C-alpha atoms as a PDB file:
ATOM      1  CA  MET A   1    -104.002  44.298 -98.288  1.00  0.00           C
ATOM      2  CA  ASN A   2    -103.993  48.024 -98.904  1.00  0.00           C
ATOM      3  CA  ALA A   3    -105.208  50.555 -96.536  1.00  0.00           C
ATOM      4  CA  ILE A   4    -108.585  52.318 -97.194  1.00  0.00           C
ATOM      5  CA  ARG A   5    -108.177  54.808 -99.920  1.00  0.00           C
ATOM      6  CA  TYR A   6    -110.649  57.481-100.951  1.00  0.00           C
ATOM      7  CA  ASP A   7    -111.183  55.739-104.260  1.00  0.00           C
ATOM      8  CA  MET A   8    -114.550  54.436-105.676  1.00  0.00           C
ATOM      9  CA  SER A   9    -112.882  51.584-107.426  1.00  0.00           C
ATOM     10  CA  GLN A  10    -111.201  50.216-104.269  1.00  0.00           C
ATOM     11  CA  PHE A  11    -113.270  47.149-102.996  1.00  0.00           C
ATOM     12  CA  TYR A  12    -115.869  47.802-105.719  1.00  0.00           C
ATOM     13  CA  PRO A  13    -117.146  44.260-106.046  1.00  0.00           C
ATOM     14  CA  LEU A  14    -118.167  44.253-102.332  1.00  0.00           C
ATOM     15  CA  LYS A  15    -119.520  47.863-102.495  1.00  0.00           C
ATOM     16  CA  ALA A  16    -121.692  46.688-105.424  1.00  0.00           C
ATOM     17  CA  ALA A  17    -122.921  43.529-103.584  1.00  0.00           C
ATOM     18  CA  LEU A  18    -123.746  45.577-100.474  1.00  0.00           C
ATOM     19  CA  GLU A  19    -125.675  48.083-102.700  1.00  0.00           C
ATOM     20  CA  GLN A  20    -127.557  45.224-104.254  1.00  0.00           C
ATOM     21  CA  ILE A  21    -128.498  43.840-100.880  1.00  0.00           C
ATOM     22  CA  LEU A  22    -128.704  46.830 -98.524  1.00  0.00           C
ATOM     23  CA  GLY A  23    -129.583  49.583-100.980  1.00  0.00           C
ATOM     24  CA  ASN A  24    -128.080  52.617-102.671  1.00  0.00           C
ATOM     25  CA  ARG A  25    -127.553  54.556 -99.442  1.00  0.00           C
ATOM     26  CA  THR A  26    -125.044  51.932 -98.241  1.00  0.00           C
ATOM     27  CA  TYR A  27    -123.102  52.275-101.608  1.00  0.00           C
ATOM     28  CA  ARG A  28    -123.026  56.128-101.323  1.00  0.00           C
ATOM     29  CA  LYS A  29    -121.731  55.808 -97.898  1.00  0.00           C
ATOM     30  CA  LEU A  30    -118.933  53.407 -98.848  1.00  0.00           C
ATOM     31  CA  LYS A  31    -118.110  54.533-102.409  1.00  0.00           C
ATOM     32  CA  GLU A  32    -115.342  57.114-101.842  1.00  0.00           C
ATOM     33  CA  THR A  33    -114.775  58.361 -98.321  1.00  0.00           C
ATOM     34  CA  ALA A  34    -115.645  55.346 -96.074  1.00  0.00           C
ATOM     35  CA  THR A  35    -113.776  54.749 -92.836  1.00  0.00           C
ATOM     36  CA  LEU A  36    -113.155  51.589 -91.032  1.00  0.00           C
ATOM     37  CA  SER A  37    -116.065  52.455 -88.836  1.00  0.00           C
ATOM     38  CA  ASP A  38    -118.351  52.802 -91.884  1.00  0.00           C
ATOM     39  CA  TRP A  39    -117.267  49.487 -93.215  1.00  0.00           C
ATOM     40  CA  ARG A  40    -117.771  47.882 -89.797  1.00  0.00           C
ATOM     41  CA  LEU A  41    -121.286  49.246 -89.529  1.00  0.00           C
ATOM     42  CA  GLU A  42    -122.259  48.116 -93.008  1.00  0.00           C
ATOM     43  CA  THR A  43    -120.812  44.543 -92.775  1.00  0.00           C
ATOM     44  CA  LYS A  44    -122.425  44.035 -89.425  1.00  0.00           C
ATOM     45  CA  LYS A  45    -125.668  45.191 -91.060  1.00  0.00           C
ATOM     46  CA  LEU A  46    -125.161  42.679 -93.830  1.00  0.00           C
ATOM     47  CA  LEU A  47    -124.788  39.778 -91.258  1.00  0.00           C
ATOM     48  CA  LYS A  48    -127.945  40.889 -89.531  1.00  0.00           C
ATOM     49  CA  ALA A  49    -129.829  40.945 -92.808  1.00  0.00           C
ATOM     50  CA  ILE A  50    -128.532  37.457 -93.527  1.00  0.00           C
ATOM     51  CA  GLU A  51    -129.707  36.283 -89.986  1.00  0.00           C
ATOM     52  CA  LEU A  52    -133.116  37.848 -90.498  1.00  0.00           C
ATOM     53  CA  SER A  53    -133.466  36.371 -94.019  1.00  0.00           C
ATOM     54  CA  ILE A  54    -132.649  32.868 -92.723  1.00  0.00           C
ATOM     55  CA  ILE A  55    -135.230  33.248 -89.760  1.00  0.00           C
ATOM     56  CA  GLU A  56    -137.880  34.571 -92.213  1.00  0.00           C
ATOM     57  CA  THR A  57    -137.203  32.265 -95.121  1.00  0.00           C
ATOM     58  CA  VAL A  58    -136.017  28.795 -93.976  1.00  0.00           C
ATOM     59  CA  ARG A  59    -139.255  27.038 -93.061  1.00  0.00           C
ATOM     60  CA  VAL A  60    -138.088  23.515 -92.365  1.00  0.00           C
ATOM     61  CA  ALA A  61    -134.854  23.000 -90.420  1.00  0.00           C
ATOM     62  CA  ASP A  62    -133.634  21.317 -87.319  1.00  0.00           C
ATOM     63  CA  ALA A  63    -133.063  23.320 -84.183  1.00  0.00           C
ATOM     64  CA  GLU A  64    -129.305  22.713 -84.407  1.00  0.00           C
ATOM     65  CA  PHE A  65    -129.247  24.440 -87.813  1.00  0.00           C
ATOM     66  CA  TYR A  66    -130.651  27.655 -86.251  1.00  0.00           C
ATOM     67  CA  THR A  67    -128.269  27.370 -83.261  1.00  0.00           C
ATOM     68  CA  GLU A  68    -125.242  26.920 -85.509  1.00  0.00           C
ATOM     69  CA  THR A  69    -126.307  29.676 -87.877  1.00  0.00           C
ATOM     70  CA  LYS A  70    -126.649  32.054 -84.889  1.00  0.00           C
ATOM     71  CA  ALA A  71    -123.288  31.073 -83.475  1.00  0.00           C
ATOM     72  CA  ILE A  72    -121.538  31.662 -86.775  1.00  0.00           C
ATOM     73  CA  LEU A  73    -123.143  34.964 -87.287  1.00  0.00           C
ATOM     74  CA  ASP A  74    -122.468  36.128 -83.705  1.00  0.00           C
ATOM     75  CA  LEU A  75    -118.823  35.137 -84.023  1.00  0.00           C
ATOM     76  CA  GLY A  76    -118.680  37.106 -87.326  1.00  0.00           C
ATOM     77  CA  GLN A  77    -120.238  40.185 -85.616  1.00  0.00           C
ATOM     78  CA  THR A  78    -117.735  39.922 -82.851  1.00  0.00           C
ATOM     79  CA  HIS A  79    -114.771  39.594 -85.214  1.00  0.00           C
ATOM     80  CA  ILE A  80    -115.985  42.523 -87.378  1.00  0.00           C
ATOM     81  CA  LYS A  81    -116.500  44.661 -84.299  1.00  0.00           C
ATOM     82  CA  THR A  82    -112.919  44.175 -83.141  1.00  0.00           C
ATOM     83  CA  ALA A  83    -111.162  44.240 -86.458  1.00  0.00           C
ATOM     84  CA  LYS A  84    -108.267  46.686 -86.243  1.00  0.00           C
ATOM     85  CA  ASP A  85    -107.939  47.271 -90.005  1.00  0.00           C
ATOM     86  CA  ILE A  86    -109.777  46.705 -93.249  1.00  0.00           C
ATOM     87  CA  SER A  87    -107.809  43.434 -93.945  1.00  0.00           C
ATOM     88  CA  GLU A  88    -108.864  41.999 -90.603  1.00  0.00           C
ATOM     89  CA  LEU A  89    -112.469  43.086 -91.198  1.00  0.00           C
ATOM     90  CA  PHE A  90    -112.614  41.379 -94.685  1.00  0.00           C
ATOM     91  CA  ALA A  91    -110.949  38.280 -93.364  1.00  0.00           C
ATOM     92  CA  SER A  92    -113.543  38.050 -90.608  1.00  0.00           C
ATOM     93  CA  LEU A  93    -116.401  38.686 -93.027  1.00  0.00           C
ATOM     94  CA  SER A  94    -115.085  36.085 -95.469  1.00  0.00           C
ATOM     95  CA  ALA A  95    -114.633  33.420 -92.798  1.00  0.00           C
ATOM     96  CA  THR A  96    -118.097  34.021 -91.496  1.00  0.00           C
ATOM     97  CA  LEU A  97    -119.651  33.736 -95.018  1.00  0.00           C
ATOM     98  CA  THR A  98    -117.549  30.610 -95.837  1.00  0.00           C
ATOM     99  CA  ARG A  99    -118.705  28.818 -92.742  1.00  0.00           C
ATOM    100  CA  LEU A 100    -122.290  29.811 -93.319  1.00  0.00           C
ATOM    101  CA  ALA A 101    -122.315  28.683 -96.973  1.00  0.00           C
ATOM    102  CA  PHE A 102    -121.187  25.171 -95.874  1.00  0.00           C
ATOM    103  CA  LEU A 103    -123.686  25.070 -93.045  1.00  0.00           C
ATOM    104  CA  GLN A 104    -126.479  25.912 -95.520  1.00  0.00           C
ATOM    105  CA  ILE A 105    -125.248  23.117 -97.754  1.00  0.00           C
ATOM    106  CA  GLY A 106    -125.388  20.551 -94.966  1.00  0.00           C
ATOM    107  CA  TYR A 107    -122.717  21.176 -92.251  1.00  0.00           C
ATOM    108  CA  VAL A 108    -119.399  22.853 -91.696  1.00  0.00           C
ATOM    109  CA  PRO A 109    -116.653  20.215 -92.155  1.00  0.00           C
ATOM    110  CA  LYS A 110    -114.203  19.808 -89.334  1.00  0.00           C
ATOM    111  CA  HIS A 111    -111.001  18.796 -90.972  1.00  0.00           C
ATOM    112  CA  TYR A 112    -108.591  20.169 -88.269  1.00  0.00           C
ATOM    113  CA  GLN A 113    -106.719  16.880 -87.878  1.00  0.00           C
ATOM    114  CA  VAL A 114    -106.470  16.082 -91.575  1.00  0.00           C
ATOM    115  CA  LYS A 115    -103.302  17.121 -93.366  1.00  0.00           C
ATOM    116  CA  SER A 116    -105.069  17.777 -96.698  1.00  0.00           C
ATOM    117  CA  VAL A 117    -108.566  17.126 -98.043  1.00  0.00           C
ATOM    118  CA  SER A 118    -108.727  16.348-101.656  1.00  0.00           C
ATOM    119  CA  LEU A 119    -111.500  17.807-103.901  1.00  0.00           C
ATOM    120  CA  ALA A 120    -112.794  14.331-104.738  1.00  0.00           C
ATOM    121  CA  GLN A 121    -116.474  14.231-104.854  1.00  0.00           C
ATOM    122  CA  LYS A 122    -116.825  11.691-102.093  1.00  0.00           C
ATOM    123  CA  ASN A 123    -115.250  14.108 -99.552  1.00  0.00           C
ATOM    124  CA  TRP A 124    -117.747  16.850-100.255  1.00  0.00           C
ATOM    125  CA  ASN A 125    -121.135  15.196 -99.893  1.00  0.00           C
ATOM    126  CA  LEU A 126    -122.399  17.162 -96.872  1.00  0.00           C
ATOM    127  CA  SER A 127    -125.689  15.357 -96.535  1.00  0.00           C
ATOM    128  CA  SER A 128    -124.708  13.198 -93.550  1.00  0.00           C
ATOM    129  CA  VAL A 129    -126.100  15.673 -91.110  1.00  0.00           C
ATOM    130  CA  ARG A 130    -128.899  17.294 -93.034  1.00  0.00           C
ATOM    131  CA  SER A 131    -130.204  17.539 -96.607  1.00  0.00           C
ATOM    132  CA  VAL A 132    -131.123  20.707 -98.493  1.00  0.00           C
ATOM    133  CA  GLN A 133    -134.021  21.060-100.833  1.00  0.00           C
ATOM    134  CA  TYR A 134    -135.124  24.028-102.692  1.00  0.00           C
ATOM    135  CA  VAL A 135    -138.875  23.967-103.744  1.00  0.00           C
ATOM    136  CA  GLN A 136    -141.131  26.525-105.401  1.00  0.00           C
ATOM    137  CA  SER A 137    -144.786  26.993-105.078  1.00  0.00           C
ATOM    138  CA  ILE A 138    -146.763  28.009-108.147  1.00  0.00           C
ATOM    139  CA  GLU A 139    -146.850  31.560-106.816  1.00  0.00           C
ATOM    140  CA  GLN A 140    -143.066  31.464-106.343  1.00  0.00           C
ATOM    141  CA  LYS A 141    -142.565  30.187-109.908  1.00  0.00           C
ATOM    142  CA  LYS A 142    -144.696  33.046-111.216  1.00  0.00           C
ATOM    143  CA  SER A 143    -142.691  35.547-109.144  1.00  0.00           C
ATOM    144  CA  ALA A 144    -139.447  34.156-110.384  1.00  0.00           C
ATOM    145  CA  LYS A 145    -140.731  34.360-113.987  1.00  0.00           C
ATOM    146  CA  GLN A 146    -141.769  38.057-113.420  1.00  0.00           C
ATOM    147  CA  LEU A 147    -138.304  38.834-112.012  1.00  0.00           C
ATOM    148  CA  GLU A 148    -136.578  37.147-114.923  1.00  0.00           C
ATOM    149  CA  ASP A 149    -138.831  38.999-117.391  1.00  0.00           C
ATOM    150  CA  ARG A 150    -137.972  42.393-115.785  1.00  0.00           C
ATOM    151  CA  LYS A 151    -134.295  41.624-115.949  1.00  0.00           C
ATOM    152  CA  ASN A 152    -134.567  40.693-119.602  1.00  0.00           C
ATOM    153  CA  GLN A 153    -136.433  43.855-120.390  1.00  0.00           C
ATOM    154  CA  ALA A 154    -133.715  45.891-118.587  1.00  0.00           C
ATOM    155  CA  ARG A 155    -131.055  44.152-120.640  1.00  0.00           C
ATOM    156  CA  GLN A 156    -132.842  44.895-123.839  1.00  0.00           C
ATOM    157  CA  LYS A 157    -132.964  48.544-123.005  1.00  0.00           C
ATOM    158  CA  ILE A 158    -129.236  48.611-122.469  1.00  0.00           C
ATOM    159  CA  VAL A 159    -128.258  46.686-125.668  1.00  0.00           C
ATOM    160  CA  PRO A 160    -128.749  48.695-128.839  1.00  0.00           C
END
């Protein structure tokens, strides 16, 4: 991977995602003159926001889910803290988010001893440890509809 350049377009997709989640101040900090230290601070903040979001949002889960979530996020924080360059930092962030995504689906597969795992559906049902359900209350449905309406209104303003 390239070294950090003072270039707004470098790493733009991640800059935009961090702005969406952490706010415009984060984007302004990273947009052109960010250092490895700046990236380290903001990606660690992202992992902390994810941890807080899980604690505050996930209402029904087994204790092991919370323990595993914390272990994954703590390991990510450690790897980001010790990253020697931007490539290592992004690899650490990617590994953390990959493990977390699988955990939230059901569990993180442990295929260390398998030469190759095919993408056959039977290999990717992760419900043997826990199942995931997304439910919406009436208030949540109303809130989702309001957010969707606002998004559509914003699109209509952009399109002539």
